[in-house]
Amino acid sequence: MTLEIVSPEAKLYSGQVTSVTVPGIDGEFQMLNHHAAIVSILAKGTIKVEAKIFAATKEGESKFILGADRKHHLAIESGTLEMNDNKIIILVD
């Protein structure tokens, strides 16, 4: 599936992923390939990206931290998410 993460300043990530875990307002949830369409508001927390080839943009490289779980973590204050047709777009603050 395809993931794009965009902040007000720049696009932080654009590439193929195997899973994405996000901090929803009712708790953390994960999206895998062919997840049902969803729109959600995100709370303060961490986005966790799992990808065979990690594709952070030049602007986003310094914002991600590789965790002990081998996923790339991005701390956010809030955001919105839309997943449709196997493409995830996340707008973060």
N, C-alpha and C. Protein backbone atom coordinates (compact mmCIF):
# COMPACT_ATOMS: atom_id res chain seq x y z
N MET A 1 0.84 -1.17 0.00
CA MET A 1 0.00 0.00 0.00
C MET A 1 0.89 1.24 0.00
N THR A 2 0.34 2.35 -0.40
CA THR A 2 1.09 3.59 -0.52
C THR A 2 0.78 4.50 0.67
N LEU A 3 1.82 5.16 1.18
CA LEU A 3 1.66 6.09 2.30
C LEU A 3 2.26 7.43 1.93
N GLU A 4 1.53 8.50 2.24
CA GLU A 4 2.06 9.86 2.17
C GLU A 4 1.80 10.52 3.51
N ILE A 5 2.84 11.12 4.08
CA ILE A 5 2.70 11.89 5.31
C ILE A 5 3.13 13.31 4.97
N VAL A 6 2.23 14.27 5.25
CA VAL A 6 2.48 15.66 4.89
C VAL A 6 2.29 16.54 6.12
N SER A 7 3.25 17.46 6.35
CA SER A 7 3.14 18.46 7.41
C SER A 7 2.90 19.80 6.74
N PRO A 8 2.59 20.85 7.51
CA PRO A 8 2.42 22.17 6.89
C PRO A 8 3.69 22.66 6.18
N GLU A 9 4.84 22.18 6.61
CA GLU A 9 6.11 22.64 6.04
C GLU A 9 6.53 21.85 4.81
N ALA A 10 6.27 20.52 4.78
CA ALA A 10 6.80 19.69 3.70
C ALA A 10 6.19 18.30 3.72
N LYS A 11 6.38 17.57 2.62
CA LYS A 11 6.04 16.15 2.57
C LYS A 11 7.15 15.41 3.32
N LEU A 12 6.77 14.56 4.28
CA LEU A 12 7.74 13.86 5.11
C LEU A 12 8.02 12.44 4.65
N TYR A 13 7.02 11.83 4.01
CA TYR A 13 7.18 10.44 3.58
C TYR A 13 6.32 10.21 2.36
N SER A 14 6.84 9.43 1.42
CA SER A 14 6.07 9.04 0.24
C SER A 14 6.64 7.73 -0.29
N GLY A 15 5.90 6.64 -0.10
CA GLY A 15 6.40 5.36 -0.56
C GLY A 15 5.50 4.20 -0.18
N GLN A 16 5.95 3.01 -0.52
CA GLN A 16 5.23 1.77 -0.23
C GLN A 16 5.53 1.32 1.20
N VAL A 17 4.51 0.83 1.89
CA VAL A 17 4.66 0.34 3.26
C VAL A 17 3.94 -0.98 3.43
N THR A 18 4.31 -1.72 4.48
CA THR A 18 3.62 -2.97 4.78
C THR A 18 2.60 -2.79 5.91
N SER A 19 2.85 -1.82 6.80
CA SER A 19 1.87 -1.51 7.85
C SER A 19 2.11 -0.10 8.38
N VAL A 20 1.03 0.49 8.91
CA VAL A 20 1.11 1.81 9.54
C VAL A 20 0.26 1.74 10.80
N THR A 21 0.84 2.17 11.91
CA THR A 21 0.11 2.24 13.18
C THR A 21 0.03 3.71 13.57
N VAL A 22 -1.17 4.16 13.95
CA VAL A 22 -1.39 5.57 14.24
C VAL A 22 -2.11 5.75 15.58
N PRO A 23 -1.95 6.93 16.21
CA PRO A 23 -2.63 7.21 17.48
C PRO A 23 -4.00 7.85 17.22
N GLY A 24 -5.03 7.03 17.09
CA GLY A 24 -6.38 7.56 16.93
C GLY A 24 -6.89 8.19 18.21
N ILE A 25 -7.93 8.98 18.12
CA ILE A 25 -8.44 9.64 19.33
C ILE A 25 -9.07 8.65 20.31
N ASP A 26 -9.45 7.46 19.82
CA ASP A 26 -9.99 6.42 20.70
C ASP A 26 -8.99 5.30 20.95
N GLY A 27 -7.73 5.55 20.59
CA GLY A 27 -6.69 4.54 20.80
C GLY A 27 -5.92 4.25 19.54
N GLU A 28 -4.82 3.56 19.72
CA GLU A 28 -3.93 3.24 18.61
C GLU A 28 -4.58 2.18 17.72
N PHE A 29 -4.40 2.31 16.39
CA PHE A 29 -4.86 1.27 15.49
C PHE A 29 -3.89 1.12 14.32
N GLN A 30 -3.93 -0.05 13.70
CA GLN A 30 -3.01 -0.39 12.63
C GLN A 30 -3.76 -0.63 11.32
N MET A 31 -3.14 -0.24 10.22
CA MET A 31 -3.68 -0.50 8.89
C MET A 31 -2.70 -1.38 8.12
N LEU A 32 -3.24 -2.41 7.50
CA LEU A 32 -2.46 -3.32 6.68
C LEU A 32 -2.97 -3.22 5.24
N ASN A 33 -2.32 -3.93 4.35
CA ASN A 33 -2.70 -3.94 2.94
C ASN A 33 -4.20 -4.24 2.76
N HIS A 34 -4.87 -3.48 1.94
CA HIS A 34 -6.30 -3.63 1.61
C HIS A 34 -7.23 -3.40 2.80
N HIS A 35 -6.82 -2.54 3.73
CA HIS A 35 -7.67 -2.15 4.86
C HIS A 35 -8.92 -1.46 4.31
N ALA A 36 -10.00 -1.56 5.03
CA ALA A 36 -11.24 -0.88 4.63
C ALA A 36 -11.01 0.63 4.60
N ALA A 37 -11.78 1.32 3.77
CA ALA A 37 -11.68 2.78 3.70
C ALA A 37 -11.97 3.37 5.07
N ILE A 38 -11.21 4.41 5.44
CA ILE A 38 -11.37 5.02 6.76
C ILE A 38 -10.92 6.48 6.71
N VAL A 39 -11.58 7.30 7.51
CA VAL A 39 -11.16 8.67 7.77
C VAL A 39 -11.12 8.81 9.28
N SER A 40 -10.03 9.38 9.83
CA SER A 40 -9.88 9.45 11.27
C SER A 40 -9.12 10.70 11.69
N ILE A 41 -9.42 11.17 12.87
CA ILE A 41 -8.65 12.24 13.50
C ILE A 41 -7.59 11.58 14.37
N LEU A 42 -6.38 12.12 14.34
CA LEU A 42 -5.29 11.54 15.11
C LEU A 42 -4.97 12.40 16.33
N ALA A 43 -4.60 11.75 17.41
CA ALA A 43 -4.25 12.40 18.66
C ALA A 43 -2.73 12.53 18.76
N LYS A 44 -2.28 13.20 19.80
CA LYS A 44 -0.85 13.29 20.07
C LYS A 44 -0.31 11.88 20.30
N GLY A 45 0.80 11.57 19.66
CA GLY A 45 1.37 10.24 19.81
C GLY A 45 2.40 9.98 18.74
N THR A 46 2.50 8.71 18.35
CA THR A 46 3.54 8.29 17.41
C THR A 46 2.94 7.51 16.25
N ILE A 47 3.33 7.88 15.04
CA ILE A 47 3.01 7.09 13.85
C ILE A 47 4.16 6.11 13.67
N LYS A 48 3.82 4.83 13.47
CA LYS A 48 4.84 3.79 13.28
C LYS A 48 4.70 3.22 11.88
N VAL A 49 5.78 3.32 11.12
CA VAL A 49 5.77 2.90 9.72
C VAL A 49 6.67 1.68 9.55
N GLU A 50 6.12 0.62 8.95
CA GLU A 50 6.91 -0.55 8.62
C GLU A 50 6.97 -0.66 7.10
N ALA A 51 8.19 -0.69 6.56
CA ALA A 51 8.38 -0.75 5.12
C ALA A 51 9.63 -1.55 4.79
N LYS A 52 9.60 -2.26 3.67
CA LYS A 52 10.80 -2.99 3.23
C LYS A 52 11.89 -2.00 2.86
N ILE A 53 11.50 -0.94 2.15
CA ILE A 53 12.43 0.14 1.79
C ILE A 53 11.83 1.43 2.34
N PHE A 54 12.47 2.01 3.35
CA PHE A 54 11.95 3.22 3.99
C PHE A 54 12.19 4.42 3.08
N ALA A 55 11.14 5.21 2.83
CA ALA A 55 11.19 6.27 1.82
C ALA A 55 10.87 7.65 2.37
N ALA A 56 11.50 8.02 3.47
CA ALA A 56 11.31 9.39 3.98
C ALA A 56 11.90 10.37 2.98
N THR A 57 11.29 11.53 2.88
CA THR A 57 11.82 12.56 2.01
C THR A 57 13.02 13.21 2.68
N LYS A 58 13.73 14.03 1.94
CA LYS A 58 14.88 14.75 2.50
C LYS A 58 14.45 15.57 3.72
N GLU A 59 13.28 16.21 3.63
CA GLU A 59 12.77 17.02 4.73
C GLU A 59 12.35 16.17 5.93
N GLY A 60 11.94 14.92 5.67
CA GLY A 60 11.44 14.07 6.73
C GLY A 60 12.45 13.17 7.39
N GLU A 61 13.62 12.98 6.78
CA GLU A 61 14.61 12.04 7.32
C GLU A 61 14.93 12.26 8.79
N SER A 62 15.10 13.50 9.20
CA SER A 62 15.50 13.79 10.58
C SER A 62 14.35 13.68 11.57
N LYS A 63 13.13 13.54 11.11
CA LYS A 63 11.97 13.50 12.00
C LYS A 63 11.59 12.08 12.43
N PHE A 64 12.09 11.08 11.71
CA PHE A 64 11.78 9.69 12.03
C PHE A 64 12.90 9.08 12.87
N ILE A 65 12.51 8.20 13.80
CA ILE A 65 13.46 7.48 14.64
C ILE A 65 13.19 5.98 14.45
N LEU A 66 14.24 5.21 14.23
CA LEU A 66 14.09 3.76 14.11
C LEU A 66 13.97 3.16 15.51
N GLY A 67 12.83 2.53 15.76
CA GLY A 67 12.56 1.96 17.07
C GLY A 67 13.10 0.55 17.22
N ALA A 68 13.09 0.05 18.45
CA ALA A 68 13.54 -1.31 18.74
C ALA A 68 12.67 -2.34 18.02
N ASP A 69 11.44 -1.96 17.66
CA ASP A 69 10.53 -2.84 16.94
C ASP A 69 10.81 -2.88 15.44
N ARG A 70 11.89 -2.20 15.00
CA ARG A 70 12.32 -2.11 13.60
C ARG A 70 11.35 -1.31 12.74
N LYS A 71 10.47 -0.53 13.38
CA LYS A 71 9.57 0.38 12.67
C LYS A 71 10.11 1.79 12.82
N HIS A 72 9.80 2.64 11.86
CA HIS A 72 10.21 4.04 11.92
C HIS A 72 9.11 4.84 12.61
N HIS A 73 9.48 5.59 13.64
CA HIS A 73 8.53 6.30 14.48
C HIS A 73 8.58 7.81 14.18
N LEU A 74 7.40 8.41 14.09
CA LEU A 74 7.27 9.84 13.88
C LEU A 74 6.35 10.40 14.95
N ALA A 75 6.85 11.28 15.81
CA ALA A 75 6.04 11.91 16.85
C ALA A 75 5.18 13.01 16.23
N ILE A 76 3.89 13.04 16.60
CA ILE A 76 2.98 14.07 16.10
C ILE A 76 2.19 14.68 17.25
N GLU A 77 1.72 15.89 17.04
CA GLU A 77 0.84 16.56 18.01
C GLU A 77 -0.63 16.24 17.71
N SER A 78 -0.97 16.17 16.42
CA SER A 78 -2.33 15.85 15.98
C SER A 78 -2.30 15.63 14.48
N GLY A 79 -3.43 15.24 13.92
CA GLY A 79 -3.47 15.06 12.48
C GLY A 79 -4.78 14.47 12.02
N THR A 80 -4.87 14.26 10.73
CA THR A 80 -6.01 13.58 10.12
C THR A 80 -5.49 12.54 9.15
N LEU A 81 -6.29 11.51 8.95
CA LEU A 81 -5.88 10.38 8.12
C LEU A 81 -7.03 9.99 7.21
N GLU A 82 -6.70 9.64 5.98
CA GLU A 82 -7.67 9.05 5.06
C GLU A 82 -7.01 7.86 4.39
N MET A 83 -7.70 6.72 4.39
CA MET A 83 -7.25 5.57 3.63
C MET A 83 -8.36 5.17 2.69
N ASN A 84 -8.00 5.04 1.40
CA ASN A 84 -8.96 4.64 0.39
C ASN A 84 -8.19 4.03 -0.77
N ASP A 85 -8.68 2.95 -1.33
CA ASP A 85 -8.05 2.28 -2.46
C ASP A 85 -6.58 1.97 -2.21
N ASN A 86 -6.27 1.50 -1.01
CA ASN A 86 -4.92 1.08 -0.62
C ASN A 86 -3.91 2.21 -0.61
N LYS A 87 -4.39 3.44 -0.44
CA LYS A 87 -3.52 4.60 -0.31
C LYS A 87 -3.88 5.35 0.96
N ILE A 88 -2.86 5.62 1.78
CA ILE A 88 -3.04 6.35 3.04
C ILE A 88 -2.43 7.74 2.89
N ILE A 89 -3.21 8.74 3.24
CA ILE A 89 -2.70 10.11 3.30
C ILE A 89 -2.88 10.60 4.72
N ILE A 90 -1.79 11.04 5.33
CA ILE A 90 -1.84 11.55 6.70
C ILE A 90 -1.34 13.00 6.69
N LEU A 91 -2.17 13.88 7.23
CA LEU A 91 -1.78 15.29 7.42
C LEU A 91 -1.47 15.46 8.90
N VAL A 92 -0.25 15.91 9.22
CA VAL A 92 0.17 16.00 10.62
C VAL A 92 0.53 17.43 11.01
N ASP A 93 0.41 17.70 12.30
CA ASP A 93 0.84 18.97 12.88
C ASP A 93 2.07 18.72 13.71
